[in-house]
Amino acid sequence: MFKFMLLGCIWIAFYLKLPAQEVSEVRNKTSSAIRAGFNGSLIYPGFRGGLEYPCKRIELTRYRGKKAPKTRVKDRYLTVEAGYYHHPTFHDNLYLLFGYLLRRNKSRGTYWEFAPAFGYSRTFLGGETYRVDHQTGVVSRVRRPGYHYAILSLGGGPGKAFNPRLSIYSRLSALVMAPSNNIVYVRPTLELGLILKPRHFLINEPRIVSRIKGKQK
């Protein structure tokens, strides 16, 4: 498991440059953000929340003939999140995720994001569980029964920024857990919540890269 988490950290820290003409590259101090929201698995309630640590911003300006240029802004974050949901007749699932969030900003504060992440999951079975010793025939109750999984989360969705400090978001995700009875177990989740960016909170200086495509006429 330690090797898995180490590879995850290396994967998160590594990202490729997009092929385009770079005009300038600067750095600007910005705060990290806190996100938290309702995270339902099918009809079962839960929550999910964590941190967004800014690491890069891409400002892409595209020229098309005599039309006014359009600038698109893409933000990149390293994330750490904790989640939980309660399935009364099956299990409770508590998990920790490390990810790399890609957010594409649109007009009027709207945006779309995609957030791959992976980490560790611990489930706790909902009912009493007993273990039978096949050699002695002794039956004993299992305390805190459940399972350990490696977990992958793939999801995304739209959001809306009201100002630089407050946003709302939605996300449809799939939680992929393995090994589960020698197969892969997939559970969909729907998340709705808030993103808050306090002033002077976990300050970083992400790269701000400006790029141009096309030619101005």
N, C-alpha and C. Protein backbone atom coordinates (compact mmCIF):
# COMPACT_ATOMS: atom_id res chain seq x y z
N MET A 1 0.83 -1.21 0.00
CA MET A 1 0.00 0.00 0.00
C MET A 1 0.87 1.26 0.00
N PHE A 2 2.00 1.22 0.75
CA PHE A 2 2.89 2.38 0.78
C PHE A 2 3.44 2.68 -0.61
N LYS A 3 3.82 1.62 -1.34
CA LYS A 3 4.33 1.82 -2.70
C LYS A 3 3.26 2.43 -3.59
N PHE A 4 2.02 1.99 -3.42
CA PHE A 4 0.90 2.52 -4.21
C PHE A 4 0.71 4.00 -3.96
N MET A 5 0.75 4.42 -2.68
CA MET A 5 0.57 5.82 -2.35
C MET A 5 1.74 6.66 -2.86
N LEU A 6 2.98 6.09 -2.80
CA LEU A 6 4.15 6.82 -3.30
C LEU A 6 4.04 7.06 -4.79
N LEU A 7 3.63 6.04 -5.54
CA LEU A 7 3.44 6.21 -6.98
C LEU A 7 2.35 7.22 -7.28
N GLY A 8 1.33 7.25 -6.41
CA GLY A 8 0.26 8.22 -6.59
C GLY A 8 0.76 9.64 -6.43
N CYS A 9 1.59 9.88 -5.43
CA CYS A 9 2.14 11.22 -5.22
C CYS A 9 2.99 11.65 -6.41
N ILE A 10 3.79 10.71 -6.95
CA ILE A 10 4.63 11.03 -8.11
C ILE A 10 3.74 11.36 -9.32
N TRP A 11 2.69 10.58 -9.50
CA TRP A 11 1.79 10.80 -10.64
C TRP A 11 1.09 12.14 -10.53
N ILE A 12 0.65 12.51 -9.33
CA ILE A 12 -0.05 13.77 -9.15
C ILE A 12 0.88 14.95 -9.43
N ALA A 13 2.14 14.85 -8.97
CA ALA A 13 3.08 15.96 -9.11
C ALA A 13 3.54 16.17 -10.54
N PHE A 14 3.33 15.16 -11.41
CA PHE A 14 3.84 15.23 -12.77
C PHE A 14 2.73 15.60 -13.74
N TYR A 15 2.90 16.65 -14.50
CA TYR A 15 1.93 16.99 -15.53
C TYR A 15 2.67 17.56 -16.74
N LEU A 16 2.09 17.35 -17.93
CA LEU A 16 2.74 17.70 -19.18
C LEU A 16 2.32 19.07 -19.66
N LYS A 17 3.21 19.74 -20.38
CA LYS A 17 2.89 21.02 -21.00
C LYS A 17 2.03 20.78 -22.24
N LEU A 18 1.06 21.65 -22.45
CA LEU A 18 0.22 21.56 -23.63
C LEU A 18 0.97 22.12 -24.83
N PRO A 19 0.82 21.50 -26.01
CA PRO A 19 1.53 21.98 -27.19
C PRO A 19 0.93 23.27 -27.71
N ALA A 20 1.61 24.37 -27.51
CA ALA A 20 1.17 25.67 -28.03
C ALA A 20 2.33 26.64 -27.89
N GLN A 21 2.17 27.80 -28.45
CA GLN A 21 3.22 28.81 -28.40
C GLN A 21 3.12 29.57 -27.09
N GLU A 22 4.13 29.47 -26.24
CA GLU A 22 4.14 30.19 -24.98
C GLU A 22 4.61 31.63 -25.21
N VAL A 23 3.87 32.55 -24.64
CA VAL A 23 4.21 33.95 -24.75
C VAL A 23 4.93 34.42 -23.49
N SER A 24 4.40 34.05 -22.35
CA SER A 24 5.02 34.48 -21.10
C SER A 24 4.68 33.50 -19.99
N GLU A 25 5.48 33.55 -18.96
CA GLU A 25 5.25 32.70 -17.80
C GLU A 25 5.61 33.50 -16.56
N VAL A 26 4.65 33.66 -15.66
CA VAL A 26 4.87 34.41 -14.43
C VAL A 26 4.34 33.59 -13.27
N ARG A 27 4.52 34.11 -12.07
CA ARG A 27 3.98 33.48 -10.87
C ARG A 27 3.25 34.53 -10.06
N ASN A 28 2.17 34.10 -9.44
CA ASN A 28 1.36 35.02 -8.67
C ASN A 28 0.84 34.29 -7.44
N LYS A 29 0.94 34.91 -6.28
CA LYS A 29 0.51 34.26 -5.05
C LYS A 29 -1.01 34.13 -5.02
N THR A 30 -1.49 32.96 -4.60
CA THR A 30 -2.92 32.72 -4.49
C THR A 30 -3.20 31.74 -3.37
N SER A 31 -4.38 31.83 -2.81
CA SER A 31 -4.76 30.97 -1.70
C SER A 31 -5.27 29.62 -2.19
N SER A 32 -5.15 28.62 -1.33
CA SER A 32 -5.79 27.34 -1.58
C SER A 32 -7.27 27.45 -1.23
N ALA A 33 -8.04 26.44 -1.58
CA ALA A 33 -9.48 26.46 -1.34
C ALA A 33 -9.92 25.24 -0.55
N ILE A 34 -11.03 25.39 0.16
CA ILE A 34 -11.66 24.31 0.90
C ILE A 34 -12.97 23.96 0.21
N ARG A 35 -13.20 22.67 -0.05
CA ARG A 35 -14.44 22.26 -0.66
C ARG A 35 -15.13 21.23 0.22
N ALA A 36 -16.45 21.29 0.28
CA ALA A 36 -17.22 20.36 1.10
C ALA A 36 -18.62 20.27 0.54
N GLY A 37 -19.19 19.06 0.59
CA GLY A 37 -20.54 18.93 0.06
C GLY A 37 -21.16 17.59 0.38
N PHE A 38 -22.44 17.49 0.05
CA PHE A 38 -23.18 16.24 0.14
C PHE A 38 -22.69 15.31 -0.94
N ASN A 39 -22.48 14.04 -0.58
CA ASN A 39 -21.96 13.06 -1.53
C ASN A 39 -22.79 11.79 -1.39
N GLY A 40 -23.84 11.67 -2.21
CA GLY A 40 -24.72 10.52 -2.11
C GLY A 40 -24.30 9.40 -3.04
N SER A 41 -24.34 8.17 -2.53
CA SER A 41 -24.07 6.99 -3.34
C SER A 41 -25.40 6.30 -3.62
N LEU A 42 -25.87 6.41 -4.87
CA LEU A 42 -27.21 5.97 -5.23
C LEU A 42 -28.20 6.72 -4.34
N ILE A 43 -28.90 6.04 -3.44
CA ILE A 43 -29.85 6.72 -2.54
C ILE A 43 -29.29 6.83 -1.13
N TYR A 44 -28.00 6.56 -0.95
CA TYR A 44 -27.43 6.50 0.38
C TYR A 44 -26.61 7.76 0.66
N PRO A 45 -26.85 8.40 1.81
CA PRO A 45 -26.24 9.72 2.08
C PRO A 45 -24.79 9.62 2.51
N GLY A 46 -24.06 10.72 2.30
CA GLY A 46 -22.68 10.80 2.73
C GLY A 46 -22.15 12.21 2.56
N PHE A 47 -20.85 12.37 2.69
CA PHE A 47 -20.22 13.68 2.49
C PHE A 47 -18.85 13.47 1.88
N ARG A 48 -18.32 14.56 1.32
CA ARG A 48 -16.96 14.53 0.76
C ARG A 48 -16.42 15.94 0.81
N GLY A 49 -15.20 16.08 1.23
CA GLY A 49 -14.59 17.40 1.32
C GLY A 49 -13.09 17.32 1.35
N GLY A 50 -12.43 18.47 1.12
CA GLY A 50 -10.98 18.46 1.13
C GLY A 50 -10.41 19.79 0.72
N LEU A 51 -9.19 19.75 0.18
CA LEU A 51 -8.43 20.94 -0.17
C LEU A 51 -8.08 20.95 -1.65
N GLU A 52 -8.04 22.17 -2.23
CA GLU A 52 -7.54 22.38 -3.59
C GLU A 52 -6.30 23.26 -3.50
N TYR A 53 -5.17 22.72 -3.92
CA TYR A 53 -3.90 23.45 -3.85
C TYR A 53 -3.51 23.88 -5.26
N PRO A 54 -3.53 25.18 -5.58
CA PRO A 54 -3.29 25.63 -6.95
C PRO A 54 -1.84 25.39 -7.38
N CYS A 55 -1.67 24.84 -8.59
CA CYS A 55 -0.31 24.59 -9.07
C CYS A 55 -0.05 25.17 -10.45
N LYS A 56 -1.10 25.50 -11.23
CA LYS A 56 -0.85 26.04 -12.57
C LYS A 56 -2.12 26.70 -13.10
N ARG A 57 -1.92 27.76 -13.89
CA ARG A 57 -3.02 28.40 -14.64
C ARG A 57 -2.54 28.60 -16.08
N ILE A 58 -3.38 28.23 -17.02
CA ILE A 58 -3.07 28.37 -18.44
C ILE A 58 -4.05 29.36 -19.06
N GLU A 59 -3.54 30.43 -19.65
CA GLU A 59 -4.36 31.43 -20.33
C GLU A 59 -4.09 31.30 -21.82
N LEU A 60 -5.04 30.76 -22.54
CA LEU A 60 -4.88 30.49 -23.97
C LEU A 60 -5.71 31.48 -24.78
N THR A 61 -5.01 32.30 -25.60
CA THR A 61 -5.68 33.27 -26.47
C THR A 61 -5.63 32.75 -27.89
N ARG A 62 -6.80 32.69 -28.52
CA ARG A 62 -6.90 32.15 -29.87
C ARG A 62 -7.39 33.24 -30.84
N TYR A 63 -6.61 33.42 -31.91
CA TYR A 63 -6.98 34.37 -32.96
C TYR A 63 -7.54 33.60 -34.16
N ARG A 64 -8.67 34.07 -34.68
CA ARG A 64 -9.28 33.46 -35.85
C ARG A 64 -9.66 34.55 -36.84
N GLY A 65 -8.78 34.79 -37.78
CA GLY A 65 -9.03 35.79 -38.80
C GLY A 65 -9.19 37.18 -38.21
N LYS A 66 -10.25 37.87 -38.65
CA LYS A 66 -10.49 39.23 -38.18
C LYS A 66 -11.40 39.28 -36.96
N LYS A 67 -11.80 38.14 -36.46
CA LYS A 67 -12.67 38.10 -35.29
C LYS A 67 -11.89 38.50 -34.04
N ALA A 68 -12.62 38.99 -33.04
CA ALA A 68 -11.98 39.35 -31.78
C ALA A 68 -11.39 38.10 -31.12
N PRO A 69 -10.21 38.20 -30.57
CA PRO A 69 -9.59 37.02 -29.95
C PRO A 69 -10.39 36.54 -28.74
N LYS A 70 -10.35 35.25 -28.51
CA LYS A 70 -11.00 34.65 -27.35
C LYS A 70 -9.94 34.06 -26.42
N THR A 71 -10.10 34.33 -25.14
CA THR A 71 -9.15 33.82 -24.15
C THR A 71 -9.86 32.82 -23.24
N ARG A 72 -9.26 31.65 -23.12
CA ARG A 72 -9.78 30.61 -22.25
C ARG A 72 -8.79 30.39 -21.11
N VAL A 73 -9.33 30.21 -19.91
CA VAL A 73 -8.50 30.04 -18.73
C VAL A 73 -8.72 28.64 -18.16
N LYS A 74 -7.62 27.94 -17.93
CA LYS A 74 -7.67 26.60 -17.35
C LYS A 74 -6.82 26.58 -16.08
N ASP A 75 -7.40 26.08 -14.99
CA ASP A 75 -6.69 25.98 -13.72
C ASP A 75 -6.40 24.53 -13.39
N ARG A 76 -5.27 24.31 -12.73
CA ARG A 76 -4.86 22.97 -12.32
C ARG A 76 -4.58 22.99 -10.81
N TYR A 77 -5.07 21.96 -10.11
CA TYR A 77 -4.92 21.87 -8.66
C TYR A 77 -4.49 20.47 -8.25
N LEU A 78 -3.68 20.39 -7.21
CA LEU A 78 -3.48 19.15 -6.49
C LEU A 78 -4.53 19.10 -5.39
N THR A 79 -5.14 17.94 -5.19
CA THR A 79 -6.23 17.84 -4.23
C THR A 79 -6.01 16.70 -3.25
N VAL A 80 -6.54 16.86 -2.07
CA VAL A 80 -6.66 15.77 -1.09
C VAL A 80 -8.07 15.84 -0.54
N GLU A 81 -8.77 14.71 -0.52
CA GLU A 81 -10.17 14.68 -0.12
C GLU A 81 -10.45 13.47 0.75
N ALA A 82 -11.40 13.64 1.66
CA ALA A 82 -11.92 12.54 2.47
C ALA A 82 -13.40 12.41 2.18
N GLY A 83 -13.89 11.17 2.08
CA GLY A 83 -15.29 10.94 1.77
C GLY A 83 -15.88 9.84 2.62
N TYR A 84 -17.22 9.82 2.66
CA TYR A 84 -17.93 8.82 3.46
C TYR A 84 -19.35 8.70 2.94
N TYR A 85 -19.88 7.46 2.93
CA TYR A 85 -21.30 7.26 2.73
C TYR A 85 -21.78 6.09 3.59
N HIS A 86 -23.08 6.09 3.87
CA HIS A 86 -23.68 5.10 4.76
C HIS A 86 -24.73 4.30 4.00
N HIS A 87 -24.46 3.00 3.84
CA HIS A 87 -25.40 2.07 3.23
C HIS A 87 -25.90 1.15 4.35
N PRO A 88 -27.12 1.37 4.86
CA PRO A 88 -27.56 0.70 6.10
C PRO A 88 -27.49 -0.82 6.08
N THR A 89 -27.83 -1.45 4.96
CA THR A 89 -27.88 -2.91 4.92
C THR A 89 -26.62 -3.54 4.32
N PHE A 90 -25.61 -2.71 4.02
CA PHE A 90 -24.41 -3.23 3.37
C PHE A 90 -23.16 -2.84 4.14
N HIS A 91 -22.77 -1.58 4.03
CA HIS A 91 -21.56 -1.14 4.74
C HIS A 91 -21.51 0.38 4.84
N ASP A 92 -20.59 0.85 5.69
CA ASP A 92 -20.18 2.25 5.71
C ASP A 92 -18.81 2.30 5.04
N ASN A 93 -18.60 3.32 4.22
CA ASN A 93 -17.34 3.42 3.48
C ASN A 93 -16.67 4.75 3.80
N LEU A 94 -15.45 4.68 4.31
CA LEU A 94 -14.64 5.85 4.60
C LEU A 94 -13.40 5.78 3.72
N TYR A 95 -13.10 6.88 2.99
CA TYR A 95 -11.99 6.81 2.05
C TYR A 95 -11.23 8.13 1.99
N LEU A 96 -9.95 8.02 1.59
CA LEU A 96 -9.05 9.15 1.44
C LEU A 96 -8.49 9.13 0.02
N LEU A 97 -8.53 10.31 -0.65
CA LEU A 97 -8.14 10.39 -2.05
C LEU A 97 -7.12 11.50 -2.28
N PHE A 98 -6.18 11.23 -3.20
CA PHE A 98 -5.24 12.23 -3.69
C PHE A 98 -5.46 12.38 -5.19
N GLY A 99 -5.58 13.62 -5.67
CA GLY A 99 -5.94 13.78 -7.07
C GLY A 99 -5.32 14.99 -7.73
N TYR A 100 -5.69 15.15 -8.99
CA TYR A 100 -5.23 16.25 -9.83
C TYR A 100 -6.45 16.80 -10.54
N LEU A 101 -6.89 18.00 -10.20
CA LEU A 101 -8.14 18.56 -10.70
C LEU A 101 -7.86 19.48 -11.89
N LEU A 102 -8.62 19.28 -12.96
CA LEU A 102 -8.53 20.11 -14.16
C LEU A 102 -9.82 20.91 -14.27
N ARG A 103 -9.71 22.22 -14.23
CA ARG A 103 -10.89 23.08 -14.29
C ARG A 103 -10.78 24.03 -15.48
N ARG A 104 -11.84 24.06 -16.27
CA ARG A 104 -11.89 24.94 -17.45
C ARG A 104 -12.93 26.02 -17.20
N ASN A 105 -12.49 27.25 -17.12
CA ASN A 105 -13.38 28.37 -16.82
C ASN A 105 -14.06 28.87 -18.08
N LYS A 106 -15.36 29.16 -17.93
CA LYS A 106 -16.14 29.67 -19.05
C LYS A 106 -16.65 31.07 -18.72
N SER A 107 -17.59 31.56 -19.50
CA SER A 107 -18.08 32.92 -19.31
C SER A 107 -19.01 33.02 -18.10
N ARG A 108 -19.08 34.22 -17.53
CA ARG A 108 -19.99 34.55 -16.43
C ARG A 108 -19.78 33.68 -15.20
N GLY A 109 -18.57 33.26 -14.97
CA GLY A 109 -18.25 32.53 -13.76
C GLY A 109 -18.52 31.04 -13.79
N THR A 110 -19.07 30.52 -14.88
CA THR A 110 -19.32 29.09 -14.95
C THR A 110 -18.03 28.35 -15.29
N TYR A 111 -17.98 27.09 -14.96
CA TYR A 111 -16.79 26.28 -15.26
C TYR A 111 -17.18 24.82 -15.33
N TRP A 112 -16.26 24.03 -15.85
CA TRP A 112 -16.41 22.58 -15.91
C TRP A 112 -15.11 21.97 -15.39
N GLU A 113 -15.23 20.93 -14.58
CA GLU A 113 -14.02 20.33 -14.03
C GLU A 113 -14.04 18.81 -14.17
N PHE A 114 -12.84 18.25 -14.26
CA PHE A 114 -12.64 16.81 -14.27
C PHE A 114 -11.62 16.48 -13.18
N ALA A 115 -11.91 15.47 -12.36
CA ALA A 115 -11.10 15.26 -11.16
C ALA A 115 -10.77 13.78 -10.95
N PRO A 116 -9.73 13.26 -11.60
CA PRO A 116 -9.27 11.91 -11.29
C PRO A 116 -8.51 11.90 -9.96
N ALA A 117 -8.70 10.84 -9.19
CA ALA A 117 -8.03 10.73 -7.89
C ALA A 117 -7.98 9.27 -7.48
N PHE A 118 -7.05 8.93 -6.64
CA PHE A 118 -7.02 7.57 -6.10
C PHE A 118 -6.40 7.57 -4.72
N GLY A 119 -6.66 6.48 -3.97
CA GLY A 119 -6.17 6.43 -2.60
C GLY A 119 -6.57 5.15 -1.91
N TYR A 120 -7.13 5.29 -0.70
CA TYR A 120 -7.38 4.15 0.19
C TYR A 120 -8.81 4.19 0.71
N SER A 121 -9.45 3.02 0.79
CA SER A 121 -10.82 2.91 1.29
C SER A 121 -10.89 1.84 2.37
N ARG A 122 -11.68 2.15 3.42
CA ARG A 122 -11.94 1.18 4.49
C ARG A 122 -13.44 1.09 4.69
N THR A 123 -13.99 -0.10 4.49
CA THR A 123 -15.42 -0.30 4.69
C THR A 123 -15.67 -0.98 6.04
N PHE A 124 -16.86 -0.72 6.59
CA PHE A 124 -17.29 -1.33 7.84
C PHE A 124 -18.66 -1.96 7.58
N LEU A 125 -18.76 -3.26 7.77
CA LEU A 125 -19.99 -3.97 7.46
C LEU A 125 -21.13 -3.53 8.36
N GLY A 126 -22.36 -3.50 7.81
CA GLY A 126 -23.49 -2.95 8.53
C GLY A 126 -24.07 -3.86 9.60
N GLY A 127 -23.93 -5.17 9.47
CA GLY A 127 -24.51 -6.10 10.45
C GLY A 127 -23.45 -6.83 11.26
N GLU A 128 -23.93 -7.61 12.22
CA GLU A 128 -22.99 -8.40 13.02
C GLU A 128 -22.34 -9.47 12.15
N THR A 129 -21.05 -9.66 12.34
CA THR A 129 -20.28 -10.60 11.53
C THR A 129 -19.58 -11.60 12.43
N TYR A 130 -19.62 -12.86 12.02
CA TYR A 130 -19.00 -13.93 12.82
C TYR A 130 -18.02 -14.71 11.96
N ARG A 131 -17.01 -15.26 12.64
CA ARG A 131 -15.98 -16.06 11.98
C ARG A 131 -16.02 -17.47 12.55
N VAL A 132 -15.93 -18.46 11.66
CA VAL A 132 -15.94 -19.85 12.07
C VAL A 132 -14.56 -20.44 11.86
N ASP A 133 -14.00 -21.02 12.92
CA ASP A 133 -12.73 -21.74 12.83
C ASP A 133 -13.04 -23.15 12.35
N HIS A 134 -12.66 -23.46 11.11
CA HIS A 134 -13.02 -24.74 10.51
C HIS A 134 -12.30 -25.91 11.17
N GLN A 135 -11.23 -25.68 11.86
CA GLN A 135 -10.53 -26.76 12.53
C GLN A 135 -11.16 -27.12 13.87
N THR A 136 -11.59 -26.10 14.62
CA THR A 136 -12.15 -26.35 15.95
C THR A 136 -13.67 -26.21 15.98
N GLY A 137 -14.24 -25.58 14.94
CA GLY A 137 -15.68 -25.36 14.94
C GLY A 137 -16.14 -24.23 15.83
N VAL A 138 -15.20 -23.46 16.38
CA VAL A 138 -15.54 -22.36 17.27
C VAL A 138 -16.01 -21.15 16.45
N VAL A 139 -17.14 -20.58 16.90
CA VAL A 139 -17.69 -19.40 16.25
C VAL A 139 -17.39 -18.17 17.11
N SER A 140 -16.80 -17.14 16.53
CA SER A 140 -16.47 -15.93 17.27
C SER A 140 -16.95 -14.71 16.51
N ARG A 141 -17.29 -13.68 17.26
CA ARG A 141 -17.77 -12.44 16.65
C ARG A 141 -16.58 -11.59 16.20
N VAL A 142 -16.67 -11.01 15.01
CA VAL A 142 -15.62 -10.16 14.46
C VAL A 142 -15.89 -8.72 14.88
N ARG A 143 -14.91 -8.09 15.49
CA ARG A 143 -15.04 -6.69 15.88
C ARG A 143 -14.63 -5.79 14.71
N ARG A 144 -15.40 -4.74 14.50
CA ARG A 144 -15.17 -3.78 13.41
C ARG A 144 -14.93 -4.50 12.07
N PRO A 145 -15.88 -5.35 11.65
CA PRO A 145 -15.68 -6.09 10.39
C PRO A 145 -15.71 -5.16 9.18
N GLY A 146 -14.94 -5.51 8.19
CA GLY A 146 -14.90 -4.72 6.96
C GLY A 146 -13.70 -5.09 6.13
N TYR A 147 -13.44 -4.28 5.10
CA TYR A 147 -12.39 -4.60 4.14
C TYR A 147 -11.56 -3.37 3.80
N HIS A 148 -10.35 -3.60 3.32
CA HIS A 148 -9.44 -2.56 2.86
C HIS A 148 -9.36 -2.64 1.33
N TYR A 149 -9.42 -1.46 0.69
CA TYR A 149 -9.38 -1.42 -0.77
C TYR A 149 -8.43 -0.32 -1.26
N ALA A 150 -7.86 -0.54 -2.42
CA ALA A 150 -7.34 0.57 -3.22
C ALA A 150 -8.53 1.15 -3.98
N ILE A 151 -8.60 2.47 -4.09
CA ILE A 151 -9.79 3.10 -4.68
C ILE A 151 -9.38 4.13 -5.72
N LEU A 152 -10.12 4.15 -6.81
CA LEU A 152 -9.95 5.12 -7.89
C LEU A 152 -11.26 5.88 -8.05
N SER A 153 -11.18 7.20 -8.15
CA SER A 153 -12.35 8.04 -8.35
C SER A 153 -12.19 8.80 -9.66
N LEU A 154 -13.20 8.69 -10.52
CA LEU A 154 -13.21 9.42 -11.78
C LEU A 154 -14.54 10.18 -11.86
N GLY A 155 -14.46 11.50 -11.98
CA GLY A 155 -15.70 12.26 -12.01
C GLY A 155 -15.49 13.68 -12.46
N GLY A 156 -16.60 14.36 -12.72
CA GLY A 156 -16.55 15.75 -13.13
C GLY A 156 -17.94 16.32 -13.23
N GLY A 157 -18.00 17.62 -13.49
CA GLY A 157 -19.28 18.27 -13.62
C GLY A 157 -19.13 19.78 -13.65
N PRO A 158 -20.27 20.48 -13.80
CA PRO A 158 -20.25 21.94 -13.88
C PRO A 158 -20.28 22.61 -12.53
N GLY A 159 -19.90 23.90 -12.53
CA GLY A 159 -19.96 24.70 -11.31
C GLY A 159 -20.15 26.16 -11.65
N LYS A 160 -20.27 26.98 -10.61
CA LYS A 160 -20.51 28.40 -10.80
C LYS A 160 -19.76 29.18 -9.72
N ALA A 161 -18.90 30.13 -10.14
CA ALA A 161 -18.18 31.01 -9.21
C ALA A 161 -18.96 32.31 -9.08
N PHE A 162 -19.38 32.64 -7.86
CA PHE A 162 -20.09 33.90 -7.61
C PHE A 162 -19.12 35.07 -7.45
N ASN A 163 -17.94 34.76 -6.90
CA ASN A 163 -16.87 35.74 -6.74
C ASN A 163 -15.58 34.94 -6.52
N PRO A 164 -14.42 35.59 -6.41
CA PRO A 164 -13.17 34.84 -6.26
C PRO A 164 -13.10 33.98 -5.00
N ARG A 165 -14.02 34.19 -4.03
CA ARG A 165 -13.96 33.47 -2.76
C ARG A 165 -15.00 32.39 -2.60
N LEU A 166 -16.05 32.40 -3.42
CA LEU A 166 -17.16 31.47 -3.21
C LEU A 166 -17.65 30.89 -4.52
N SER A 167 -17.77 29.56 -4.56
CA SER A 167 -18.28 28.85 -5.73
C SER A 167 -19.18 27.71 -5.27
N ILE A 168 -20.04 27.27 -6.17
CA ILE A 168 -20.78 26.03 -5.97
C ILE A 168 -20.33 25.05 -7.05
N TYR A 169 -20.48 23.76 -6.77
CA TYR A 169 -20.04 22.76 -7.75
C TYR A 169 -20.97 21.55 -7.70
N SER A 170 -20.95 20.78 -8.76
CA SER A 170 -21.64 19.49 -8.82
C SER A 170 -20.70 18.51 -9.50
N ARG A 171 -20.84 17.25 -9.12
CA ARG A 171 -19.92 16.26 -9.69
C ARG A 171 -20.58 14.88 -9.68
N LEU A 172 -20.53 14.22 -10.81
CA LEU A 172 -20.95 12.83 -10.93
C LEU A 172 -19.68 11.98 -11.04
N SER A 173 -19.52 11.02 -10.14
CA SER A 173 -18.28 10.25 -10.08
C SER A 173 -18.57 8.75 -10.04
N ALA A 174 -17.55 7.99 -10.33
CA ALA A 174 -17.57 6.54 -10.15
C ALA A 174 -16.43 6.18 -9.22
N LEU A 175 -16.75 5.48 -8.13
CA LEU A 175 -15.74 4.97 -7.22
C LEU A 175 -15.44 3.52 -7.60
N VAL A 176 -14.19 3.26 -7.93
CA VAL A 176 -13.77 1.92 -8.34
C VAL A 176 -12.88 1.35 -7.25
N MET A 177 -13.33 0.26 -6.61
CA MET A 177 -12.60 -0.33 -5.50
C MET A 177 -12.14 -1.74 -5.85
N ALA A 178 -10.93 -2.08 -5.46
CA ALA A 178 -10.37 -3.39 -5.75
C ALA A 178 -9.32 -3.74 -4.68
N PRO A 179 -9.10 -5.04 -4.41
CA PRO A 179 -9.89 -6.17 -4.94
C PRO A 179 -11.16 -6.38 -4.12
N SER A 180 -12.24 -6.77 -4.77
CA SER A 180 -13.51 -7.06 -4.10
C SER A 180 -14.00 -8.42 -4.59
N ASN A 181 -13.75 -9.45 -3.78
CA ASN A 181 -14.09 -10.83 -4.16
C ASN A 181 -13.50 -11.19 -5.52
N ASN A 182 -12.23 -10.78 -5.70
CA ASN A 182 -11.48 -11.07 -6.92
C ASN A 182 -12.04 -10.36 -8.15
N ILE A 183 -12.87 -9.33 -7.94
CA ILE A 183 -13.38 -8.53 -9.04
C ILE A 183 -13.21 -7.05 -8.68
N VAL A 184 -13.61 -6.18 -9.59
CA VAL A 184 -13.57 -4.74 -9.35
C VAL A 184 -14.99 -4.28 -9.03
N TYR A 185 -15.13 -3.53 -7.93
CA TYR A 185 -16.45 -3.06 -7.47
C TYR A 185 -16.58 -1.58 -7.83
N VAL A 186 -17.66 -1.22 -8.53
CA VAL A 186 -17.88 0.15 -8.99
C VAL A 186 -19.16 0.69 -8.35
N ARG A 187 -19.06 1.90 -7.79
CA ARG A 187 -20.23 2.53 -7.17
C ARG A 187 -20.31 3.99 -7.62
N PRO A 188 -21.45 4.40 -8.22
CA PRO A 188 -21.61 5.80 -8.65
C PRO A 188 -21.95 6.69 -7.47
N THR A 189 -21.51 7.95 -7.53
CA THR A 189 -21.84 8.93 -6.50
C THR A 189 -22.19 10.26 -7.16
N LEU A 190 -23.03 11.03 -6.48
CA LEU A 190 -23.40 12.37 -6.93
C LEU A 190 -23.06 13.34 -5.81
N GLU A 191 -22.34 14.40 -6.16
CA GLU A 191 -21.84 15.35 -5.16
C GLU A 191 -22.30 16.77 -5.48
N LEU A 192 -22.77 17.49 -4.46
CA LEU A 192 -23.17 18.88 -4.56
C LEU A 192 -22.59 19.63 -3.37
N GLY A 193 -21.95 20.78 -3.62
CA GLY A 193 -21.35 21.46 -2.48
C GLY A 193 -20.82 22.84 -2.79
N LEU A 194 -20.02 23.35 -1.84
CA LEU A 194 -19.46 24.69 -1.89
C LEU A 194 -17.94 24.62 -1.93
N ILE A 195 -17.33 25.64 -2.55
CA ILE A 195 -15.89 25.83 -2.53
C ILE A 195 -15.61 27.20 -1.94
N LEU A 196 -14.86 27.25 -0.85
CA LEU A 196 -14.51 28.50 -0.18
C LEU A 196 -13.01 28.72 -0.29
N LYS A 197 -12.62 29.94 -0.62
CA LYS A 197 -11.19 30.28 -0.72
C LYS A 197 -10.90 31.39 0.28
N PRO A 198 -10.48 31.03 1.51
CA PRO A 198 -10.15 32.05 2.51
C PRO A 198 -8.91 32.84 2.08
N ARG A 199 -8.80 34.05 2.57
CA ARG A 199 -7.64 34.87 2.27
C ARG A 199 -6.42 34.34 3.03
N HIS A 200 -5.29 34.30 2.35
CA HIS A 200 -4.01 33.93 2.96
C HIS A 200 -4.06 32.53 3.57
N PHE A 201 -4.70 31.59 2.85
CA PHE A 201 -4.80 30.21 3.33
C PHE A 201 -3.96 29.30 2.45
N LEU A 202 -2.92 28.68 3.02
CA LEU A 202 -2.01 27.80 2.28
C LEU A 202 -1.59 28.44 0.95
N ILE A 203 -0.93 29.58 1.05
CA ILE A 203 -0.52 30.35 -0.11
C ILE A 203 0.46 29.57 -0.99
N ASN A 204 0.25 29.65 -2.30
CA ASN A 204 1.20 29.08 -3.25
C ASN A 204 1.38 30.07 -4.40
N GLU A 205 2.43 29.86 -5.18
CA GLU A 205 2.69 30.68 -6.35
C GLU A 205 2.63 29.80 -7.60
N PRO A 206 1.42 29.50 -8.06
CA PRO A 206 1.30 28.64 -9.25
C PRO A 206 1.83 29.33 -10.50
N ARG A 207 2.34 28.55 -11.41
CA ARG A 207 2.77 29.09 -12.70
C ARG A 207 1.55 29.61 -13.46
N ILE A 208 1.68 30.79 -14.04
CA ILE A 208 0.65 31.35 -14.91
C ILE A 208 1.26 31.45 -16.30
N VAL A 209 0.79 30.60 -17.19
CA VAL A 209 1.38 30.50 -18.53
C VAL A 209 0.40 31.08 -19.54
N SER A 210 0.87 32.06 -20.32
CA SER A 210 0.06 32.65 -21.39
C SER A 210 0.51 32.07 -22.72
N ARG A 211 -0.46 31.68 -23.53
CA ARG A 211 -0.15 31.08 -24.82
C ARG A 211 -1.05 31.69 -25.88
N ILE A 212 -0.55 31.67 -27.12
CA ILE A 212 -1.30 32.22 -28.25
C ILE A 212 -1.38 31.17 -29.35
N LYS A 213 -2.55 31.02 -29.92
CA LYS A 213 -2.75 30.18 -31.11
C LYS A 213 -3.34 31.04 -32.23
N GLY A 214 -2.87 30.81 -33.43
CA GLY A 214 -3.33 31.61 -34.55
C GLY A 214 -2.55 32.90 -34.66
N LYS A 215 -2.95 33.73 -35.64
CA LYS A 215 -2.27 35.01 -35.89
C LYS A 215 -3.28 36.13 -35.92
N GLN A 216 -2.86 37.25 -35.35
CA GLN A 216 -3.70 38.43 -35.36
C GLN A 216 -3.65 39.11 -36.71
N LYS A 217 -4.84 39.50 -37.24
CA LYS A 217 -4.89 40.16 -38.57
C LYS A 217 -5.47 41.55 -38.42
